[in-house]
N, C-alpha and C. Protein backbone atom coordinates (compact mmCIF):
# COMPACT_ATOMS: atom_id res chain seq x y z
N MET A 1 23.65 59.63 162.42
CA MET A 1 22.80 58.67 163.12
C MET A 1 21.44 59.32 163.35
N ARG A 2 20.39 58.48 163.31
CA ARG A 2 19.05 58.97 163.57
C ARG A 2 18.93 59.46 165.02
N LEU A 3 18.15 60.51 165.19
CA LEU A 3 17.97 61.07 166.51
C LEU A 3 17.44 60.07 167.54
N ASP A 4 16.39 59.32 167.16
CA ASP A 4 15.80 58.38 168.11
C ASP A 4 16.79 57.30 168.50
N LYS A 5 17.59 56.86 167.57
CA LYS A 5 18.61 55.84 167.88
C LYS A 5 19.70 56.40 168.78
N TYR A 6 20.13 57.63 168.50
CA TYR A 6 21.14 58.26 169.32
C TYR A 6 20.67 58.38 170.78
N LEU A 7 19.43 58.84 170.96
CA LEU A 7 18.89 58.99 172.31
C LEU A 7 18.89 57.69 173.06
N LYS A 8 18.63 56.56 172.37
CA LYS A 8 18.63 55.25 172.97
C LYS A 8 20.04 54.74 173.24
N VAL A 9 20.90 54.81 172.23
CA VAL A 9 22.31 54.31 172.39
C VAL A 9 23.04 55.07 173.48
N SER A 10 22.83 56.37 173.54
CA SER A 10 23.52 57.19 174.56
C SER A 10 22.87 57.06 175.95
N ARG A 11 21.68 56.44 175.96
CA ARG A 11 20.91 56.21 177.18
C ARG A 11 20.40 57.52 177.81
N ILE A 12 20.29 58.56 176.99
CA ILE A 12 19.59 59.74 177.46
C ILE A 12 18.10 59.35 177.68
N ILE A 13 17.58 58.59 176.74
CA ILE A 13 16.27 57.98 176.90
C ILE A 13 16.50 56.46 176.74
N LYS A 14 15.96 55.66 177.67
CA LYS A 14 16.33 54.26 177.72
C LYS A 14 15.80 53.36 176.60
N ARG A 15 14.61 53.70 176.09
CA ARG A 15 14.01 52.85 175.08
C ARG A 15 13.80 53.63 173.78
N ARG A 16 14.05 53.01 172.65
CA ARG A 16 13.93 53.67 171.36
C ARG A 16 12.47 54.07 171.09
N THR A 17 11.53 53.25 171.50
CA THR A 17 10.15 53.62 171.26
C THR A 17 9.75 54.89 172.01
N VAL A 18 10.27 55.04 173.23
CA VAL A 18 10.01 56.26 174.02
C VAL A 18 10.70 57.44 173.35
N ALA A 19 11.92 57.23 172.87
CA ALA A 19 12.65 58.30 172.14
C ALA A 19 11.87 58.71 170.89
N ASN A 20 11.38 57.72 170.18
CA ASN A 20 10.62 57.99 168.97
C ASN A 20 9.36 58.81 169.29
N GLU A 21 8.64 58.42 170.35
CA GLU A 21 7.44 59.13 170.74
C GLU A 21 7.74 60.56 171.18
N ALA A 22 8.84 60.76 171.91
CA ALA A 22 9.24 62.09 172.35
C ALA A 22 9.53 62.99 171.17
N CYS A 23 10.24 62.44 170.18
CA CYS A 23 10.53 63.21 168.95
C CYS A 23 9.27 63.52 168.18
N ALA A 24 8.45 62.52 167.97
CA ALA A 24 7.21 62.68 167.20
C ALA A 24 6.27 63.64 167.89
N GLY A 25 6.35 63.72 169.21
CA GLY A 25 5.50 64.62 169.96
C GLY A 25 6.02 66.05 170.05
N GLY A 26 7.13 66.34 169.38
CA GLY A 26 7.67 67.70 169.35
C GLY A 26 8.38 68.09 170.61
N ARG A 27 8.79 67.12 171.43
CA ARG A 27 9.44 67.44 172.72
C ARG A 27 10.97 67.43 172.63
N VAL A 28 11.50 67.19 171.42
CA VAL A 28 12.95 67.18 171.23
C VAL A 28 13.35 68.17 170.16
N THR A 29 14.35 69.02 170.47
CA THR A 29 14.89 69.91 169.45
C THR A 29 16.34 69.62 169.23
N VAL A 30 16.79 69.86 167.98
CA VAL A 30 18.20 69.77 167.64
C VAL A 30 18.61 71.16 167.17
N ASN A 31 19.57 71.77 167.86
CA ASN A 31 20.02 73.12 167.54
C ASN A 31 18.86 74.11 167.48
N GLY A 32 17.90 73.99 168.41
CA GLY A 32 16.79 74.92 168.52
C GLY A 32 15.61 74.67 167.60
N LYS A 33 15.68 73.64 166.74
CA LYS A 33 14.56 73.33 165.85
C LYS A 33 13.94 71.99 166.22
N VAL A 34 12.60 71.97 166.24
CA VAL A 34 11.91 70.73 166.55
C VAL A 34 12.35 69.66 165.56
N ALA A 35 12.68 68.47 166.06
CA ALA A 35 13.25 67.42 165.21
C ALA A 35 12.39 66.18 165.23
N LYS A 36 12.29 65.55 164.07
CA LYS A 36 11.59 64.28 163.93
C LYS A 36 12.51 63.15 164.32
N PRO A 37 11.98 61.96 164.55
CA PRO A 37 12.82 60.83 165.01
C PRO A 37 13.95 60.48 164.01
N GLY A 38 13.76 60.70 162.74
CA GLY A 38 14.76 60.37 161.74
C GLY A 38 15.76 61.49 161.46
N ALA A 39 15.69 62.58 162.21
CA ALA A 39 16.63 63.68 161.99
C ALA A 39 18.07 63.18 162.21
N ASP A 40 19.00 63.73 161.45
CA ASP A 40 20.39 63.34 161.54
C ASP A 40 21.07 64.06 162.72
N VAL A 41 21.81 63.33 163.52
CA VAL A 41 22.53 63.91 164.66
C VAL A 41 24.02 63.75 164.42
N LYS A 42 24.79 64.80 164.70
CA LYS A 42 26.24 64.76 164.52
C LYS A 42 26.92 65.46 165.72
N PRO A 43 28.20 65.19 165.93
CA PRO A 43 28.91 65.84 167.05
C PRO A 43 28.80 67.35 166.92
N GLY A 44 28.61 67.99 168.07
CA GLY A 44 28.46 69.44 168.12
C GLY A 44 26.99 69.89 168.20
N ASP A 45 26.04 69.00 167.88
CA ASP A 45 24.63 69.36 167.93
C ASP A 45 24.21 69.54 169.39
N ILE A 46 23.27 70.41 169.62
CA ILE A 46 22.71 70.64 170.93
C ILE A 46 21.30 70.08 170.93
N LEU A 47 21.02 69.12 171.83
CA LEU A 47 19.73 68.51 171.96
C LEU A 47 19.02 69.05 173.19
N THR A 48 17.78 69.44 173.03
CA THR A 48 16.95 69.88 174.14
C THR A 48 15.75 68.94 174.22
N ILE A 49 15.53 68.39 175.38
CA ILE A 49 14.44 67.40 175.56
C ILE A 49 13.58 67.86 176.72
N ARG A 50 12.28 67.92 176.46
CA ARG A 50 11.32 68.31 177.52
C ARG A 50 10.65 67.02 178.06
N PHE A 51 10.85 66.85 179.36
CA PHE A 51 10.22 65.71 180.09
C PHE A 51 9.10 66.31 180.91
N GLY A 52 7.88 66.38 180.35
CA GLY A 52 6.78 67.08 181.07
C GLY A 52 7.13 68.57 181.16
N GLU A 53 7.21 69.05 182.40
CA GLU A 53 7.56 70.47 182.62
C GLU A 53 9.08 70.65 182.78
N HIS A 54 9.82 69.57 182.76
CA HIS A 54 11.24 69.63 183.02
C HIS A 54 12.05 69.60 181.73
N LEU A 55 13.26 70.16 181.80
CA LEU A 55 14.04 70.35 180.59
C LEU A 55 15.44 69.78 180.77
N GLY A 56 15.96 69.13 179.71
CA GLY A 56 17.33 68.68 179.69
C GLY A 56 18.00 69.18 178.41
N LYS A 57 19.23 69.64 178.53
CA LYS A 57 19.93 70.16 177.36
C LYS A 57 21.31 69.47 177.30
N TYR A 58 21.62 68.88 176.14
CA TYR A 58 22.81 68.05 176.00
C TYR A 58 23.56 68.42 174.73
N GLU A 59 24.88 68.32 174.79
CA GLU A 59 25.74 68.48 173.58
C GLU A 59 26.22 67.14 173.14
N VAL A 60 26.05 66.84 171.85
CA VAL A 60 26.49 65.57 171.27
C VAL A 60 28.01 65.63 171.13
N LEU A 61 28.72 64.73 171.77
CA LEU A 61 30.18 64.66 171.67
C LEU A 61 30.67 63.63 170.66
N SER A 62 29.96 62.50 170.57
CA SER A 62 30.38 61.45 169.65
C SER A 62 29.21 60.62 169.20
N ILE A 63 29.38 59.98 168.07
CA ILE A 63 28.37 59.09 167.53
C ILE A 63 28.99 57.69 167.50
N THR A 64 28.34 56.74 168.12
CA THR A 64 28.82 55.37 168.16
C THR A 64 27.63 54.46 167.97
N GLU A 65 27.71 53.47 167.10
CA GLU A 65 26.58 52.60 166.83
C GLU A 65 26.20 51.74 168.04
N THR A 66 27.19 51.24 168.75
CA THR A 66 26.94 50.48 169.95
C THR A 66 27.93 50.93 171.01
N VAL A 67 27.49 50.94 172.26
CA VAL A 67 28.38 51.36 173.34
C VAL A 67 27.92 50.64 174.61
N ARG A 68 28.89 50.34 175.47
CA ARG A 68 28.58 49.71 176.74
C ARG A 68 27.90 50.73 177.66
N LYS A 69 27.06 50.25 178.52
CA LYS A 69 26.30 51.10 179.43
C LYS A 69 27.23 52.04 180.22
N GLU A 70 28.35 51.54 180.66
CA GLU A 70 29.27 52.35 181.46
C GLU A 70 29.90 53.50 180.70
N GLN A 71 29.91 53.40 179.35
CA GLN A 71 30.57 54.40 178.55
C GLN A 71 29.57 55.31 177.81
N ALA A 72 28.27 55.03 177.96
CA ALA A 72 27.25 55.81 177.22
C ALA A 72 27.29 57.28 177.54
N ASP A 73 27.61 57.64 178.79
CA ASP A 73 27.59 59.04 179.16
C ASP A 73 28.76 59.86 178.56
N GLN A 74 29.68 59.13 177.92
CA GLN A 74 30.78 59.84 177.23
C GLN A 74 30.39 60.29 175.85
N MET A 75 29.16 59.93 175.40
CA MET A 75 28.68 60.33 174.08
C MET A 75 28.10 61.74 174.09
N TYR A 76 27.85 62.30 175.28
CA TYR A 76 27.24 63.61 175.36
C TYR A 76 27.72 64.35 176.60
N ARG A 77 27.49 65.66 176.65
CA ARG A 77 27.81 66.44 177.79
C ARG A 77 26.52 67.13 178.24
N ILE A 78 26.25 67.10 179.50
CA ILE A 78 25.03 67.74 180.03
C ILE A 78 25.30 69.25 180.14
N LEU A 79 24.50 70.03 179.45
CA LEU A 79 24.65 71.48 179.51
C LEU A 79 23.70 72.07 180.56
N GLU A 80 22.53 71.45 180.66
CA GLU A 80 21.51 71.93 181.61
C GLU A 80 20.58 70.77 181.88
N GLU A 81 20.26 70.56 183.16
CA GLU A 81 19.37 69.48 183.47
C GLU A 81 18.84 69.67 184.85
N ASP A 82 17.52 69.69 185.00
CA ASP A 82 16.96 69.75 186.35
C ASP A 82 16.86 68.35 186.92
N ALA A 83 16.57 68.30 188.20
CA ALA A 83 16.59 67.03 188.92
C ALA A 83 15.61 66.02 188.33
N ALA A 84 14.44 66.48 187.90
CA ALA A 84 13.43 65.56 187.35
C ALA A 84 13.89 64.97 186.00
N ALA A 85 14.55 65.78 185.21
CA ALA A 85 15.06 65.28 183.90
C ALA A 85 16.15 64.26 184.17
N ALA A 86 17.00 64.50 185.14
CA ALA A 86 18.07 63.57 185.47
C ALA A 86 17.48 62.23 185.96
N GLN A 87 16.42 62.32 186.75
CA GLN A 87 15.77 61.11 187.26
C GLN A 87 15.13 60.34 186.12
N GLU A 88 14.51 61.02 185.17
CA GLU A 88 13.89 60.41 184.01
C GLU A 88 14.93 59.64 183.20
N ARG A 89 16.13 60.22 183.10
CA ARG A 89 17.22 59.63 182.33
C ARG A 89 17.85 58.44 183.06
N ALA A 90 17.81 58.45 184.39
CA ALA A 90 18.45 57.42 185.19
C ALA A 90 17.82 56.07 185.11
């Protein structure tokens, strides 16, 4: 699945355009490498997202094309997240 779509479907970032901009701006890495919006994401990948000065780190657990809002958080595991990154995601 494309990185920008995964970020939106999992609701780590609420809108795909914002996810696309974050990726294009070099604020998202996959397994430590800066990733473009079309980068492929698979289970086991580690995503790091910079929200301004704040950082969120997530492990991809599953890939699902569509998911209900209540189940979106089951697509990833939070490895590290400061309060501001959590608020941005909320």
